[in-house]
Amino acid sequence: MSVNQAQSIRHSYDYQVYKLTVIYLPYCQSDSESQASPNHD
């Protein structure tokens, strides 16, 4: 495996983690808040 391939895979993995964090972290926060009050989007 070349260095460029390794960097590409690492970047891809980091992006997947970042994307999941961006999607699910606010979702979990808003989900816990929505139980106390209606969610106004």
Protein backbone atom coordinates (compact mmCIF):
# COMPACT_ATOMS: atom_id res chain seq x y z
CA MET A 1 0.00 0.00 0.00
CA SER A 2 1.35 3.39 -0.94
CA VAL A 3 1.52 6.33 1.43
CA ASN A 4 -1.03 8.18 -0.69
CA GLN A 5 -3.51 5.31 -0.39
CA ALA A 6 -3.03 5.17 3.38
CA GLN A 7 -3.65 8.90 3.69
CA SER A 8 -6.72 8.63 1.49
CA ILE A 9 -8.17 5.84 3.62
CA ARG A 10 -7.39 7.74 6.83
CA HIS A 11 -9.01 10.87 5.43
CA SER A 12 -12.04 8.86 4.37
CA TYR A 13 -12.31 7.28 7.83
CA ASP A 14 -11.93 10.63 9.59
CA TYR A 15 -14.61 12.07 7.33
CA GLN A 16 -17.00 9.23 8.13
CA VAL A 17 -16.49 9.77 11.86
CA TYR A 18 -16.89 13.52 11.43
CA LYS A 19 -20.06 13.08 9.40
CA LEU A 20 -21.55 10.67 11.93
CA THR A 21 -20.66 13.04 14.76
CA VAL A 22 -22.28 15.98 13.00
CA ILE A 23 -25.41 13.96 12.25
CA TYR A 24 -25.90 12.07 15.50
CA LEU A 25 -24.55 14.41 18.16
CA PRO A 26 -27.10 17.19 17.53
CA TYR A 27 -29.76 14.50 17.09
CA CYS A 28 -29.06 13.06 20.53
CA GLN A 29 -29.01 16.50 22.09
CA SER A 30 -32.25 17.62 20.44
CA ASP A 31 -33.84 14.26 21.26
CA SER A 32 -33.19 14.68 24.97
CA GLU A 33 -34.40 18.27 24.83
CA SER A 34 -37.55 17.43 22.87
CA GLN A 35 -38.75 15.26 25.74
CA ALA A 36 -38.95 18.36 27.93
CA SER A 37 -40.37 20.72 25.32
CA PRO A 38 -41.67 20.59 21.71
CA ASN A 39 -38.95 20.74 19.10
CA HIS A 40 -39.20 23.93 17.03
CA ASP A 41 -37.16 23.41 13.91
